[in-house]
Protein backbone atom coordinates (compact mmCIF):
# COMPACT_ATOMS: atom_id res chain seq x y z
CA MET A 1 -15.03 -8.84 -2.03
CA ILE A 2 -12.20 -7.51 -3.32
CA ASP A 3 -11.88 -4.04 -3.46
CA ILE A 4 -12.33 -1.52 -0.97
CA ASP A 5 -15.63 0.72 -0.99
CA GLU A 6 -15.84 4.11 0.50
CA ARG A 7 -18.51 2.33 3.90
CA ALA A 8 -15.22 0.89 4.43
CA LEU A 9 -13.20 3.16 4.42
CA ASP A 10 -15.65 5.95 6.54
CA ALA A 11 -16.09 2.23 9.39
CA LEU A 12 -12.21 2.23 9.14
CA LEU A 13 -11.72 5.45 10.46
CA ALA A 14 -15.18 6.12 12.41
CA GLU A 15 -13.52 2.88 14.93
CA ASP A 16 -9.78 4.27 14.80
CA PRO A 17 -8.03 3.90 17.98
CA GLY A 18 -5.26 6.50 17.31
CA GLY A 19 -1.57 5.22 16.92
CA PRO A 20 -0.32 3.31 13.78
CA VAL A 21 -2.03 0.25 12.76
CA VAL A 22 -1.50 -3.52 10.42
CA MET A 23 -3.17 -4.75 8.25
CA LEU A 24 -3.88 -8.33 8.13
CA ASN A 25 -3.73 -9.18 4.17
CA LEU A 26 -4.99 -13.05 3.78
CA LEU A 27 -4.75 -13.82 -0.10
CA ARG A 28 -6.17 -16.90 -1.73
CA PHE A 29 -4.67 -16.44 -5.38
CA ARG A 30 -6.28 -17.21 -8.76
CA PRO A 31 -4.17 -19.97 -10.70
CA ASP A 32 -4.65 -18.29 -14.67
CA GLY A 33 -1.09 -15.82 -13.34
CA GLY A 34 -3.05 -14.48 -9.78
CA ARG A 35 0.72 -14.39 -7.89
CA GLU A 36 2.46 -12.69 -11.35
CA SER A 37 -0.24 -10.19 -10.76
CA TYR A 38 -0.27 -9.75 -7.66
CA GLN A 39 3.61 -9.39 -7.90
CA ARG A 40 2.93 -6.60 -10.63
CA TYR A 41 0.33 -4.53 -8.37
CA ILE A 42 3.24 -4.57 -5.41
CA GLU A 43 5.89 -3.00 -8.52
CA ALA A 44 2.76 -0.61 -9.19
CA LEU A 45 3.46 0.82 -5.81
CA GLY A 46 6.56 2.09 -5.95
CA PRO A 47 8.39 3.25 -3.26
CA GLU A 48 6.60 7.00 -4.35
CA ILE A 49 3.04 5.36 -3.55
CA ASN A 50 4.59 3.62 0.37
CA ALA A 51 7.01 6.91 0.83
CA ARG A 52 3.26 8.99 0.12
CA TYR A 53 1.95 7.07 2.62
CA GLY A 54 4.25 6.02 5.87
CA LEU A 55 3.56 1.60 4.64
CA ARG A 56 6.34 -0.51 5.30
CA VAL A 57 5.68 -4.45 4.66
CA GLU A 58 6.23 -5.91 8.26
CA TYR A 59 5.74 -9.39 6.79
CA LEU A 60 4.96 -11.41 4.04
CA GLY A 61 5.12 -15.46 3.23
CA ASP A 62 3.25 -18.13 1.79
CA GLY A 63 0.37 -19.67 3.29
CA GLY A 64 1.15 -23.32 3.94
CA ARG A 65 -1.49 -26.55 4.99
CA ALA A 66 -3.86 -25.06 7.92
CA LEU A 67 -3.70 -26.25 10.70
CA VAL A 68 -7.17 -25.76 12.59
CA ALA A 69 -9.59 -24.83 9.83
CA GLU A 70 -12.39 -25.62 8.03
CA ASP A 71 -11.47 -26.62 4.68
CA GLY A 72 -10.90 -24.66 2.19
CA GLN A 73 -9.48 -21.29 4.88
CA ALA A 74 -5.75 -21.82 3.72
CA TRP A 75 -3.97 -18.56 2.05
CA ASP A 76 -1.40 -18.20 -0.46
CA ALA A 77 -0.57 -16.12 0.90
CA VAL A 78 -0.10 -13.45 4.73
CA LEU A 79 0.68 -9.70 4.06
CA LEU A 80 1.03 -7.84 7.41
CA VAL A 81 1.84 -3.63 7.00
CA ARG A 82 2.22 -0.78 8.66
CA TYR A 83 0.94 2.37 8.35
CA PRO A 84 0.73 5.40 10.69
CA SER A 85 -2.53 5.55 10.86
CA ARG A 86 -6.12 4.42 9.78
CA GLN A 87 -5.98 8.05 7.95
CA ALA A 88 -3.13 7.71 6.02
CA PHE A 89 -4.39 3.82 5.00
CA ALA A 90 -7.33 5.56 3.73
CA ASP A 91 -5.82 8.07 2.00
CA MET A 92 -3.87 6.04 0.61
CA ALA A 93 -6.92 3.87 -0.69
CA ARG A 94 -8.78 6.94 -2.25
CA ASP A 95 -4.92 8.31 -3.77
CA PRO A 96 -6.03 8.46 -7.55
CA ASP A 97 -2.18 7.21 -8.50
CA TYR A 98 -3.53 4.27 -5.93
CA ARG A 99 -6.16 3.70 -7.51
CA ALA A 100 -4.41 3.90 -10.88
CA VAL A 101 -2.87 0.83 -10.29
CA SER A 102 -5.67 -1.16 -7.73
CA HIS A 103 -7.43 -3.41 -10.48
CA LEU A 104 -3.98 -5.43 -10.41
CA ARG A 105 -5.17 -6.40 -7.28
CA ALA A 106 -8.75 -7.68 -8.18
CA GLU A 107 -6.63 -9.24 -11.24
CA ALA A 108 -5.15 -11.66 -8.72
CA LEU A 109 -7.23 -12.33 -6.31
CA VAL A 110 -9.66 -15.11 -6.04
CA GLU A 111 -10.28 -14.23 -2.29
CA SER A 112 -8.89 -11.93 0.10
CA VAL A 113 -8.77 -10.49 4.29
CA LEU A 114 -8.43 -7.27 4.63
CA GLN A 115 -8.72 -6.45 8.73
CA PRO A 116 -7.22 -3.45 10.92
CA THR A 117 -5.74 -4.95 13.92
CA VAL A 118 -4.23 -2.72 16.65
CA PRO A 119 -1.71 -3.89 19.41
CA LEU A 120 -2.70 -5.31 22.37
CA GLN A 121 -1.63 -3.54 25.32
CA GLY A 122 0.41 -5.28 28.07
CA SER A 123 -0.85 -8.67 26.56
CA VAL A 124 1.35 -11.45 27.57
CA VAL A 125 1.87 -12.94 24.51
């Protein structure tokens, strides 16, 4: 699944521990211009949507050869995006301005993982 549906957003909010959330994005691009389409999606979000919901890109990197993974589990790119809250993420995903450009993301990807993460407290890692 590439698109975010309402049930997934409801579950995200129901499991909200409070505080910021960093969304892990694992991206596999379509071979016929997917990377370029994803760039258009990023540009279409623009500073206005980013500022409206307080999102901040923490990391964006090209995926390399997987050292430990099942066959087919290497990803083209990894993206970590921090939001001030799960509610901010859900509000963005429901925003008509966001929805107007989200098709570019769907058109860019063959497969994706979008997973919320929260910092571990007291971790030694």
